[in-house]
Amino acid sequence: MIIEKIKAHKDYVKIEVANEDLKTTFKIGLDDYLSLNYKVNQELKDEEISKLEKLHLIAFSYNKCLRRLESSDRSVKEIRELLYPIKELTKKDKNEIIEKLKAAGFLSDEAVVETQFYVDSIKQIGKNKTIQTLRKRGIDKEIIEKYSEKIDDKQQFEMAVIKAERILATIRNKSFNQTINILKERLMRDGFENVNEVVLALDLQKDEQNEYESVKIAYDKALRRYKNKYSGKKLYYNIYRYLLTKGFDSSLIKEIISLESEELDYED
């Protein structure tokens, strides 16, 4: 085959080759082109065509990684997974692409860690969850520890308190104990530490009137649920058991059942 045209672009060189039956185009990296020193009208043997095919695939794969990195930071592991399905590339080829991306400043696990901590802080995600995310992304443990040590514990605590207040606003029709348990569970799930201290910092007071009203609402719901199936002591036993499963205080449940059962008896 004969080289018909060579045209340099910003990030690659386009080489058009043809013979009597076939015409094709290869796009290869600038560095690769300079090492080949091809010229127009030069005849290429089969092994040289095979080499161009390989260099074209390497350039294509490199640019595929580059486009992915332009959208957001990626870890070395994530880029390696992107290259993995390309079976025509050897392990050495893939390593060279990765090293080239690193050398050009496009690929850095340190940058991934720094960005992840920054973005998660904006989203009010705790340090522990960020660390879990980074481990899943294949970041080396030492790099994660290096950056996690810089995280201000006081800032994390303040963030947890703000997050806790937001969580509290979403919890409805739950007992005081259930509310606290749900709050702690969500804080831990979002990667925060010292959740007991966070709850104390909110200075939550058990509002007996609100708690009483919550139990009363749950009692009425249970009464509607069981009154057609049970009566007498069996009815109130099932209501009592139901309210316990909702996390309400036993003595308050008994107080409401006692008051409500007296009213019912009176109505009867």
Protein backbone atom coordinates (compact mmCIF):
# COMPACT_ATOMS: atom_id res chain seq x y z
CA MET A 1 0.00 0.00 0.00
CA ILE A 2 1.07 3.58 -0.72
CA ILE A 3 0.81 6.61 1.56
CA GLU A 4 -1.38 9.07 -0.30
CA LYS A 5 -1.77 11.81 2.27
CA ILE A 6 -0.42 12.85 5.68
CA LYS A 7 -2.09 15.61 7.65
CA ALA A 8 -1.15 16.77 11.14
CA HIS A 9 -3.89 17.83 13.55
CA LYS A 10 -3.71 19.19 17.08
CA ASP A 11 -3.73 15.83 18.85
CA TYR A 12 -3.02 13.32 16.09
CA VAL A 13 -1.72 12.72 12.59
CA LYS A 14 -4.00 11.33 9.87
CA ILE A 15 -2.35 9.00 7.38
CA GLU A 16 -4.30 7.91 4.29
CA VAL A 17 -3.06 4.78 2.52
CA ALA A 18 -4.40 2.93 -0.52
CA ASN A 19 -3.81 0.36 -3.21
CA GLU A 20 -5.81 -0.66 -6.24
CA ASP A 21 -8.50 -2.36 -4.15
CA LEU A 22 -8.57 -0.59 -0.79
CA LYS A 23 -8.29 2.83 0.77
CA THR A 24 -8.07 3.40 4.51
CA THR A 25 -7.14 6.04 7.07
CA PHE A 26 -5.14 5.75 10.27
CA LYS A 27 -5.08 8.28 13.08
CA ILE A 28 -2.00 7.95 15.28
CA GLY A 29 -0.36 9.96 18.04
CA LEU A 30 2.08 12.75 17.21
CA ASP A 31 4.94 11.07 19.05
CA ASP A 32 4.34 7.81 17.21
CA TYR A 33 4.30 9.58 13.87
CA LEU A 34 7.61 11.33 14.56
CA SER A 35 9.21 7.99 15.42
CA LEU A 36 8.05 6.49 12.09
CA ASN A 37 9.16 9.31 9.79
CA TYR A 38 6.75 8.32 7.00
CA LYS A 39 6.47 10.34 3.79
CA VAL A 40 3.85 10.74 1.05
CA ASN A 41 4.17 8.17 -1.78
CA GLN A 42 6.09 5.83 0.50
CA GLU A 43 5.24 2.18 0.03
CA LEU A 44 4.30 0.27 3.18
CA LYS A 45 4.71 -3.43 3.70
CA ASP A 46 2.16 -5.65 5.48
CA GLU A 47 4.02 -5.52 8.80
CA GLU A 48 4.03 -1.72 8.65
CA ILE A 49 0.30 -1.67 7.99
CA SER A 50 -0.19 -3.95 11.01
CA LYS A 51 1.89 -1.55 13.07
CA LEU A 52 -0.25 1.39 11.93
CA GLU A 53 -3.39 -0.55 12.85
CA LYS A 54 -2.03 -1.08 16.36
CA LEU A 55 -0.97 2.55 16.75
CA HIS A 56 -4.38 3.66 15.51
CA LEU A 57 -6.08 1.50 18.17
CA ILE A 58 -3.76 2.84 20.87
CA ALA A 59 -4.52 6.44 19.84
CA PHE A 60 -8.25 5.68 19.76
CA SER A 61 -8.09 4.08 23.23
CA TYR A 62 -6.06 6.96 24.63
CA ASN A 63 -8.58 9.50 23.36
CA LYS A 64 -11.45 7.40 24.71
CA CYS A 65 -9.86 7.60 28.17
CA LEU A 66 -9.20 11.29 27.70
CA ARG A 67 -12.85 12.00 26.90
CA ARG A 68 -13.90 10.12 30.04
CA LEU A 69 -11.43 12.12 32.12
CA GLU A 70 -12.67 15.39 30.67
CA SER A 71 -16.13 14.77 32.10
CA SER A 72 -14.85 14.05 35.64
CA ASP A 73 -11.85 12.78 37.58
CA ARG A 74 -11.30 9.03 37.30
CA SER A 75 -9.09 6.70 39.28
CA VAL A 76 -6.40 4.54 37.70
CA LYS A 77 -8.58 1.50 38.42
CA GLU A 78 -11.57 3.05 36.63
CA ILE A 79 -9.47 3.86 33.55
CA ARG A 80 -7.98 0.38 33.58
CA GLU A 81 -11.53 -1.04 33.64
CA LEU A 82 -12.37 1.17 30.66
CA LEU A 83 -9.48 -0.32 28.71
CA TYR A 84 -10.07 -3.89 29.84
CA PRO A 85 -12.62 -4.90 27.11
CA ILE A 86 -10.20 -3.90 24.33
CA LYS A 87 -8.70 -7.35 23.81
CA GLU A 88 -6.45 -6.26 20.92
CA LEU A 89 -4.37 -4.25 23.38
CA THR A 90 -1.80 -6.07 25.49
CA LYS A 91 -1.32 -5.41 29.19
CA LYS A 92 1.82 -3.48 28.27
CA ASP A 93 -0.14 -1.32 25.81
CA LYS A 94 -2.71 -0.49 28.47
CA ASN A 95 -0.05 0.32 31.05
CA GLU A 96 1.67 2.64 28.58
CA ILE A 97 -1.62 4.47 27.92
CA ILE A 98 -2.16 4.89 31.66
CA GLU A 99 1.39 6.15 32.21
CA LYS A 100 1.02 8.58 29.32
CA LEU A 101 -2.19 9.95 30.85
CA LYS A 102 -0.43 10.33 34.21
CA ALA A 103 2.57 12.08 32.66
CA ALA A 104 0.26 14.52 30.85
CA GLY A 105 -1.45 15.35 34.16
CA PHE A 106 -4.83 13.94 33.14
CA LEU A 107 -4.84 10.95 35.49
CA SER A 108 -4.17 11.21 39.23
CA ASP A 109 -5.53 9.20 42.14
CA GLU A 110 -4.54 12.08 44.44
CA ALA A 111 -6.78 14.42 42.48
CA VAL A 112 -9.63 11.89 42.71
CA VAL A 113 -9.31 11.75 46.50
CA GLU A 114 -9.17 15.52 46.88
CA THR A 115 -12.21 16.02 44.63
CA GLN A 116 -14.23 13.27 46.35
CA PHE A 117 -13.70 14.79 49.80
CA TYR A 118 -14.60 18.25 48.50
CA VAL A 119 -17.76 17.16 46.66
CA ASP A 120 -18.93 14.99 49.57
CA SER A 121 -18.48 17.87 52.01
CA ILE A 122 -20.81 19.99 49.85
CA LYS A 123 -23.33 17.12 49.85
CA GLN A 124 -22.95 16.82 53.66
CA ILE A 125 -21.54 13.31 53.45
CA GLY A 126 -19.33 12.20 56.32
CA LYS A 127 -15.70 11.18 56.12
CA ASN A 128 -16.31 7.46 56.65
CA LYS A 129 -18.63 7.20 53.66
CA THR A 130 -16.16 9.13 51.50
CA ILE A 131 -13.43 6.68 52.49
CA GLN A 132 -15.68 3.73 51.57
CA THR A 133 -16.39 5.30 48.18
CA LEU A 134 -12.70 5.86 47.48
CA ARG A 135 -11.84 2.28 48.39
CA LYS A 136 -14.48 1.04 45.94
CA ARG A 137 -12.87 3.24 43.30
CA GLY A 138 -9.60 1.41 43.85
CA ILE A 139 -7.63 4.18 45.54
CA ASP A 140 -4.58 3.07 47.50
CA LYS A 141 -5.10 3.01 51.27
CA GLU A 142 -2.08 5.24 51.95
CA ILE A 143 -3.35 7.98 49.63
CA ILE A 144 -6.76 7.92 51.32
CA GLU A 145 -5.21 8.12 54.80
CA LYS A 146 -2.98 10.99 53.74
CA TYR A 147 -5.99 13.12 52.84
CA SER A 148 -8.41 11.87 55.52
CA GLU A 149 -5.94 12.99 58.22
CA LYS A 150 -6.36 16.55 56.96
CA ILE A 151 -10.12 16.52 57.55
CA ASP A 152 -11.14 18.85 60.37
CA ASP A 153 -13.03 16.83 63.02
CA LYS A 154 -14.77 19.95 64.32
CA GLN A 155 -15.98 20.77 60.82
CA GLN A 156 -17.22 17.20 60.40
CA PHE A 157 -19.13 17.45 63.69
CA GLU A 158 -20.75 20.74 62.69
CA MET A 159 -21.70 19.22 59.33
CA ALA A 160 -23.23 16.22 61.11
CA VAL A 161 -25.36 18.50 63.31
CA ILE A 162 -26.68 20.37 60.25
CA LYS A 163 -27.38 17.06 58.51
CA ALA A 164 -29.15 15.75 61.63
CA GLU A 165 -31.46 18.78 61.67
CA ARG A 166 -32.35 18.14 58.04
CA ILE A 167 -33.02 14.47 58.76
CA LEU A 168 -35.23 15.30 61.73
CA ALA A 169 -37.42 17.46 59.51
CA THR A 170 -38.21 14.42 57.35
CA ILE A 171 -39.26 12.06 60.18
CA ARG A 172 -43.00 11.98 60.75
CA ASN A 173 -45.37 10.13 63.08
CA LYS A 174 -42.67 8.24 64.96
CA SER A 175 -42.14 7.81 68.67
CA PHE A 176 -39.36 9.73 70.36
CA ASN A 177 -37.22 6.58 70.62
CA GLN A 178 -37.87 5.64 67.00
CA THR A 179 -36.97 9.17 65.88
CA ILE A 180 -33.65 9.03 67.71
CA ASN A 181 -32.84 5.57 66.36
CA ILE A 182 -33.70 6.55 62.79
CA LEU A 183 -31.62 9.71 63.15
CA LYS A 184 -28.56 7.81 64.40
CA GLU A 185 -28.92 5.15 61.71
CA ARG A 186 -29.06 7.71 58.91
CA LEU A 187 -26.11 9.68 60.28
CA MET A 188 -23.98 6.53 60.43
CA ARG A 189 -25.13 5.52 56.94
CA ASP A 190 -24.02 8.94 55.70
CA GLY A 191 -20.55 8.37 57.13
CA PHE A 192 -20.59 10.41 60.33
CA GLU A 193 -18.93 9.46 63.61
CA ASN A 194 -19.86 10.19 67.25
CA VAL A 195 -23.59 10.12 66.46
CA ASN A 196 -24.53 10.05 70.15
CA GLU A 197 -22.70 13.34 70.68
CA VAL A 198 -24.38 14.79 67.60
CA VAL A 199 -27.82 13.91 68.99
CA LEU A 200 -26.91 15.48 72.34
CA ALA A 201 -25.76 18.63 70.57
CA LEU A 202 -29.26 19.02 69.14
CA ASP A 203 -30.51 19.37 72.73
CA LEU A 204 -33.63 17.36 71.96
CA GLN A 205 -36.18 17.36 74.71
CA LYS A 206 -38.78 14.65 74.95
CA ASP A 207 -41.99 16.60 74.50
CA GLU A 208 -44.50 14.55 76.48
CA GLN A 209 -47.54 16.20 74.92
CA ASN A 210 -46.31 15.52 71.37
CA GLU A 211 -45.36 12.01 72.38
CA TYR A 212 -48.80 11.50 73.92
CA GLU A 213 -50.48 12.70 70.71
CA SER A 214 -48.30 10.40 68.60
CA VAL A 215 -49.27 7.41 70.75
CA LYS A 216 -52.93 8.43 70.59
CA ILE A 217 -52.81 8.57 66.76
CA ALA A 218 -51.14 5.14 66.66
CA TYR A 219 -53.66 3.82 69.20
CA ASP A 220 -56.61 4.91 67.05
CA LYS A 221 -55.02 3.27 64.03
CA ALA A 222 -54.50 0.02 65.97
CA LEU A 223 -58.05 0.13 67.31
CA ARG A 224 -59.46 0.36 63.78
CA ARG A 225 -57.21 -2.49 62.77
CA TYR A 226 -58.11 -4.93 65.55
CA LYS A 227 -61.60 -4.05 66.83
CA ASN A 228 -63.36 -6.29 64.29
CA LYS A 229 -61.13 -9.26 65.14
CA TYR A 230 -60.83 -9.02 68.93
CA SER A 231 -62.69 -7.72 71.95
CA GLY A 232 -62.11 -7.14 75.66
CA LYS A 233 -58.66 -7.83 77.07
CA LYS A 234 -57.52 -9.56 73.88
CA LEU A 235 -58.23 -6.40 71.91
CA TYR A 236 -56.19 -4.21 74.25
CA TYR A 237 -53.37 -6.75 74.42
CA ASN A 238 -52.99 -6.67 70.64
CA ILE A 239 -53.11 -2.88 70.62
CA TYR A 240 -50.48 -2.77 73.37
CA ARG A 241 -48.21 -5.16 71.48
CA TYR A 242 -48.65 -3.17 68.25
CA LEU A 243 -47.72 0.11 69.94
CA LEU A 244 -44.65 -1.45 71.52
CA THR A 245 -43.39 -2.49 68.08
CA LYS A 246 -43.65 1.19 67.08
CA GLY A 247 -41.16 2.09 69.78
CA PHE A 248 -43.46 3.92 72.18
CA ASP A 249 -42.83 3.96 75.93
CA SER A 250 -44.60 1.08 77.72
CA SER A 251 -45.93 3.17 80.62
CA LEU A 252 -47.39 5.78 78.25
CA ILE A 253 -49.06 3.04 76.20
CA LYS A 254 -50.63 1.58 79.32
CA GLU A 255 -51.83 5.02 80.42
CA ILE A 256 -53.56 5.70 77.10
CA ILE A 257 -55.08 2.21 76.89
CA SER A 258 -56.38 2.61 80.43
CA LEU A 259 -57.99 5.98 79.63
CA GLU A 260 -59.36 4.86 76.28
CA SER A 261 -60.74 1.58 77.58
CA GLU A 262 -62.57 3.41 80.36
CA GLU A 263 -64.14 5.74 77.82
CA LEU A 264 -65.17 2.81 75.67
CA ASP A 265 -66.66 1.00 78.63
CA TYR A 266 -68.55 4.14 79.55
CA GLU A 267 -69.87 4.54 76.00
CA ASP A 268 -71.04 0.93 76.02
